[in-house]
Amino acid sequence: MNINGIIVGITVFIIIGVLHPIVIYAEYYFGKKIWPLFFLLGNICILISLFIKNNTFSCLLCVLGFSLFWSIRELFEQEKRVKKGWYPKNPKRKF
């Protein structure tokens, strides 16, 4: 039996679940200007995944990297959601 697919599926679910509140937190405290950090971390994960011999771990790092890229888009979308009033805005930070 090969459980690699199940491991990847569960881990992808966790990655998405963890990145969602991170995006909300990052937008609240830093705004969308923090997107280069997500870009850098995504590139690092993808680059490291190229040198990992374990296919499952390499796949998971790549998924994390591309999820970080997707989080960049979500940062910009989160700013729109805050402007619509769906999420609280940080009163100490100017838009």
N, C-alpha and C. Protein backbone atom coordinates (compact mmCIF):
# COMPACT_ATOMS: atom_id res chain seq x y z
N MET A 1 0.82 -1.18 0.00
CA MET A 1 0.00 0.00 0.00
C MET A 1 0.87 1.26 0.00
N ASN A 2 0.46 2.24 -0.77
CA ASN A 2 1.20 3.49 -0.86
C ASN A 2 0.32 4.61 -0.28
N ILE A 3 0.77 5.19 0.82
CA ILE A 3 -0.03 6.23 1.48
C ILE A 3 0.49 7.64 1.19
N ASN A 4 1.41 7.76 0.24
CA ASN A 4 1.97 9.08 -0.08
C ASN A 4 0.90 10.07 -0.51
N GLY A 5 -0.05 9.63 -1.30
CA GLY A 5 -1.12 10.52 -1.75
C GLY A 5 -1.96 11.04 -0.59
N ILE A 6 -2.23 10.18 0.35
CA ILE A 6 -3.01 10.60 1.52
C ILE A 6 -2.20 11.59 2.36
N ILE A 7 -0.92 11.32 2.51
CA ILE A 7 -0.05 12.23 3.27
C ILE A 7 -0.02 13.60 2.60
N VAL A 8 0.15 13.63 1.28
CA VAL A 8 0.18 14.89 0.55
C VAL A 8 -1.17 15.61 0.68
N GLY A 9 -2.25 14.89 0.51
CA GLY A 9 -3.58 15.49 0.60
C GLY A 9 -3.84 16.13 1.95
N ILE A 10 -3.54 15.40 3.01
CA ILE A 10 -3.75 15.93 4.36
C ILE A 10 -2.86 17.14 4.60
N THR A 11 -1.61 17.06 4.17
CA THR A 11 -0.68 18.16 4.40
C THR A 11 -1.08 19.40 3.59
N VAL A 12 -1.55 19.23 2.37
CA VAL A 12 -2.02 20.36 1.56
C VAL A 12 -3.20 21.03 2.27
N PHE A 13 -4.10 20.23 2.80
CA PHE A 13 -5.24 20.75 3.54
C PHE A 13 -4.77 21.58 4.73
N ILE A 14 -3.76 21.09 5.43
CA ILE A 14 -3.21 21.82 6.59
C ILE A 14 -2.51 23.10 6.15
N ILE A 15 -1.72 23.03 5.07
CA ILE A 15 -1.01 24.21 4.56
C ILE A 15 -2.01 25.32 4.23
N ILE A 16 -3.07 24.97 3.51
CA ILE A 16 -4.08 25.96 3.14
C ILE A 16 -4.75 26.52 4.38
N GLY A 17 -5.06 25.64 5.33
CA GLY A 17 -5.71 26.07 6.56
C GLY A 17 -4.84 26.97 7.41
N VAL A 18 -3.55 26.77 7.39
CA VAL A 18 -2.63 27.59 8.19
C VAL A 18 -2.35 28.92 7.49
N LEU A 19 -2.23 28.90 6.18
CA LEU A 19 -1.90 30.14 5.46
C LEU A 19 -3.04 31.15 5.46
N HIS A 20 -4.28 30.67 5.55
CA HIS A 20 -5.41 31.61 5.55
C HIS A 20 -5.34 32.60 6.71
N PRO A 21 -5.20 32.15 7.95
CA PRO A 21 -5.08 33.14 9.04
C PRO A 21 -3.78 33.93 8.99
N ILE A 22 -2.72 33.35 8.44
CA ILE A 22 -1.46 34.09 8.31
C ILE A 22 -1.65 35.27 7.37
N VAL A 23 -2.38 35.08 6.28
CA VAL A 23 -2.66 36.17 5.34
C VAL A 23 -3.47 37.26 6.04
N ILE A 24 -4.48 36.88 6.80
CA ILE A 24 -5.30 37.86 7.51
C ILE A 24 -4.45 38.64 8.50
N TYR A 25 -3.63 37.95 9.25
CA TYR A 25 -2.74 38.57 10.24
C TYR A 25 -1.75 39.51 9.54
N ALA A 26 -1.14 39.03 8.47
CA ALA A 26 -0.13 39.83 7.76
C ALA A 26 -0.75 41.10 7.18
N GLU A 27 -1.93 40.98 6.62
CA GLU A 27 -2.58 42.17 6.05
C GLU A 27 -2.96 43.15 7.16
N TYR A 28 -3.40 42.63 8.29
CA TYR A 28 -3.82 43.49 9.40
C TYR A 28 -2.65 44.31 9.92
N TYR A 29 -1.51 43.68 10.11
CA TYR A 29 -0.37 44.37 10.71
C TYR A 29 0.57 45.05 9.71
N PHE A 30 0.66 44.53 8.51
CA PHE A 30 1.65 45.05 7.56
C PHE A 30 1.05 45.56 6.26
N GLY A 31 -0.17 45.18 5.96
CA GLY A 31 -0.78 45.55 4.68
C GLY A 31 -0.23 44.70 3.55
N LYS A 32 -0.56 45.09 2.35
CA LYS A 32 -0.13 44.30 1.20
C LYS A 32 1.35 44.47 0.87
N LYS A 33 2.00 45.43 1.53
CA LYS A 33 3.42 45.69 1.24
C LYS A 33 4.32 44.52 1.66
N ILE A 34 3.79 43.55 2.38
CA ILE A 34 4.60 42.40 2.82
C ILE A 34 4.65 41.30 1.75
N TRP A 35 4.02 41.53 0.62
CA TRP A 35 3.97 40.48 -0.40
C TRP A 35 5.35 39.99 -0.85
N PRO A 36 6.41 40.82 -0.89
CA PRO A 36 7.71 40.28 -1.32
C PRO A 36 8.23 39.17 -0.39
N LEU A 37 7.87 39.21 0.88
CA LEU A 37 8.29 38.15 1.80
C LEU A 37 7.64 36.83 1.40
N PHE A 38 6.36 36.85 1.06
CA PHE A 38 5.69 35.64 0.59
C PHE A 38 6.34 35.14 -0.70
N PHE A 39 6.69 36.07 -1.58
CA PHE A 39 7.33 35.70 -2.84
C PHE A 39 8.69 35.05 -2.60
N LEU A 40 9.47 35.65 -1.72
CA LEU A 40 10.80 35.12 -1.40
C LEU A 40 10.69 33.73 -0.78
N LEU A 41 9.82 33.58 0.21
CA LEU A 41 9.66 32.28 0.87
C LEU A 41 9.15 31.22 -0.11
N GLY A 42 8.24 31.61 -1.00
CA GLY A 42 7.75 30.67 -2.02
C GLY A 42 8.87 30.20 -2.93
N ASN A 43 9.70 31.13 -3.38
CA ASN A 43 10.84 30.76 -4.24
C ASN A 43 11.84 29.88 -3.51
N ILE A 44 12.08 30.16 -2.25
CA ILE A 44 13.01 29.34 -1.46
C ILE A 44 12.48 27.92 -1.34
N CYS A 45 11.19 27.78 -1.03
CA CYS A 45 10.61 26.44 -0.90
C CYS A 45 10.71 25.66 -2.21
N ILE A 46 10.41 26.31 -3.31
CA ILE A 46 10.46 25.63 -4.61
C ILE A 46 11.90 25.27 -4.97
N LEU A 47 12.82 26.17 -4.71
CA LEU A 47 14.23 25.90 -5.01
C LEU A 47 14.74 24.72 -4.17
N ILE A 48 14.43 24.71 -2.89
CA ILE A 48 14.87 23.61 -2.02
C ILE A 48 14.24 22.30 -2.47
N SER A 49 12.98 22.35 -2.92
CA SER A 49 12.30 21.12 -3.34
C SER A 49 13.00 20.44 -4.51
N LEU A 50 13.74 21.22 -5.30
CA LEU A 50 14.46 20.64 -6.44
C LEU A 50 15.61 19.74 -6.00
N PHE A 51 16.09 19.92 -4.77
CA PHE A 51 17.25 19.18 -4.31
C PHE A 51 16.90 18.10 -3.27
N ILE A 52 15.64 17.93 -2.97
CA ILE A 52 15.21 16.92 -2.00
C ILE A 52 14.99 15.60 -2.75
N LYS A 53 15.59 14.55 -2.25
CA LYS A 53 15.47 13.25 -2.92
C LYS A 53 14.15 12.55 -2.61
N ASN A 54 13.60 12.80 -1.43
CA ASN A 54 12.32 12.19 -1.06
C ASN A 54 11.20 12.87 -1.83
N ASN A 55 10.52 12.10 -2.70
CA ASN A 55 9.48 12.66 -3.56
C ASN A 55 8.34 13.30 -2.78
N THR A 56 7.92 12.67 -1.71
CA THR A 56 6.80 13.19 -0.94
C THR A 56 7.17 14.54 -0.32
N PHE A 57 8.32 14.62 0.31
CA PHE A 57 8.74 15.86 0.95
C PHE A 57 8.99 16.94 -0.09
N SER A 58 9.58 16.58 -1.23
CA SER A 58 9.81 17.53 -2.31
C SER A 58 8.48 18.09 -2.82
N CYS A 59 7.51 17.23 -2.98
CA CYS A 59 6.18 17.64 -3.43
C CYS A 59 5.54 18.59 -2.42
N LEU A 60 5.67 18.28 -1.15
CA LEU A 60 5.07 19.13 -0.12
C LEU A 60 5.73 20.51 -0.06
N LEU A 61 7.03 20.56 -0.22
CA LEU A 61 7.71 21.86 -0.26
C LEU A 61 7.27 22.69 -1.47
N CYS A 62 7.09 22.03 -2.58
CA CYS A 62 6.63 22.71 -3.78
C CYS A 62 5.20 23.23 -3.58
N VAL A 63 4.35 22.43 -2.99
CA VAL A 63 2.98 22.86 -2.70
C VAL A 63 3.01 24.06 -1.76
N LEU A 64 3.86 24.03 -0.75
CA LEU A 64 3.98 25.17 0.15
C LEU A 64 4.44 26.41 -0.61
N GLY A 65 5.42 26.24 -1.49
CA GLY A 65 5.91 27.37 -2.28
C GLY A 65 4.83 28.00 -3.13
N PHE A 66 4.08 27.18 -3.84
CA PHE A 66 3.02 27.73 -4.69
C PHE A 66 1.85 28.25 -3.87
N SER A 67 1.63 27.69 -2.71
CA SER A 67 0.60 28.22 -1.80
C SER A 67 1.00 29.60 -1.29
N LEU A 68 2.28 29.80 -1.07
CA LEU A 68 2.76 31.12 -0.69
C LEU A 68 2.56 32.13 -1.82
N PHE A 69 2.75 31.68 -3.06
CA PHE A 69 2.48 32.55 -4.20
C PHE A 69 0.99 32.93 -4.25
N TRP A 70 0.14 31.95 -4.00
CA TRP A 70 -1.31 32.20 -3.99
C TRP A 70 -1.66 33.17 -2.86
N SER A 71 -0.93 33.11 -1.77
CA SER A 71 -1.18 33.99 -0.63
C SER A 71 -0.92 35.45 -0.99
N ILE A 72 -0.06 35.70 -1.95
CA ILE A 72 0.18 37.07 -2.41
C ILE A 72 -1.12 37.63 -2.98
N ARG A 73 -1.78 36.86 -3.79
CA ARG A 73 -3.06 37.29 -4.35
C ARG A 73 -4.06 37.51 -3.23
N GLU A 74 -4.06 36.60 -2.27
CA GLU A 74 -5.00 36.71 -1.16
C GLU A 74 -4.74 37.94 -0.29
N LEU A 75 -3.49 38.38 -0.20
CA LEU A 75 -3.18 39.62 0.52
C LEU A 75 -3.91 40.81 -0.12
N PHE A 76 -3.86 40.88 -1.43
CA PHE A 76 -4.52 41.97 -2.13
C PHE A 76 -6.03 41.85 -2.02
N GLU A 77 -6.53 40.63 -2.07
CA GLU A 77 -7.97 40.40 -1.90
C GLU A 77 -8.40 40.73 -0.48
N GLN A 78 -7.56 40.41 0.49
CA GLN A 78 -7.87 40.68 1.89
C GLN A 78 -8.00 42.19 2.11
N GLU A 79 -7.16 42.96 1.47
CA GLU A 79 -7.27 44.41 1.58
C GLU A 79 -8.63 44.88 1.09
N LYS A 80 -9.12 44.30 0.00
CA LYS A 80 -10.45 44.65 -0.51
C LYS A 80 -11.54 44.24 0.47
N ARG A 81 -11.37 43.07 1.09
CA ARG A 81 -12.37 42.60 2.06
C ARG A 81 -12.41 43.52 3.27
N VAL A 82 -11.26 44.03 3.68
CA VAL A 82 -11.20 44.97 4.81
C VAL A 82 -11.91 46.27 4.43
N LYS A 83 -11.68 46.76 3.23
CA LYS A 83 -12.32 47.99 2.79
C LYS A 83 -13.84 47.84 2.70
N LYS A 84 -14.30 46.62 2.40
CA LYS A 84 -15.74 46.37 2.36
C LYS A 84 -16.33 46.21 3.76
N GLY A 85 -15.47 46.10 4.75
CA GLY A 85 -15.95 45.95 6.12
C GLY A 85 -16.14 44.52 6.58
N TRP A 86 -15.69 43.58 5.78
CA TRP A 86 -15.86 42.17 6.13
C TRP A 86 -14.88 41.74 7.22
N TYR A 87 -13.75 42.44 7.32
CA TYR A 87 -12.74 42.16 8.33
C TYR A 87 -12.36 43.49 8.98
N PRO A 88 -11.92 43.45 10.23
CA PRO A 88 -11.55 44.72 10.89
C PRO A 88 -10.26 45.28 10.31
N LYS A 89 -10.20 46.61 10.29
CA LYS A 89 -8.96 47.24 9.85
C LYS A 89 -8.15 47.63 11.08
N ASN A 90 -6.87 47.69 10.90
CA ASN A 90 -5.96 48.06 11.98
C ASN A 90 -5.99 49.58 12.11
N PRO A 91 -6.49 50.08 13.24
CA PRO A 91 -6.59 51.55 13.39
C PRO A 91 -5.23 52.24 13.49
N LYS A 92 -4.18 51.50 13.80
CA LYS A 92 -2.85 52.09 13.93
C LYS A 92 -2.12 52.19 12.59
N ARG A 93 -2.66 51.53 11.58
CA ARG A 93 -2.00 51.50 10.27
C ARG A 93 -2.82 52.31 9.29
N LYS A 94 -2.16 53.16 8.51
CA LYS A 94 -2.85 53.96 7.50
C LYS A 94 -2.88 53.21 6.19
N PHE A 95 -3.97 53.31 5.47
CA PHE A 95 -4.13 52.61 4.20
C PHE A 95 -3.62 53.42 3.07
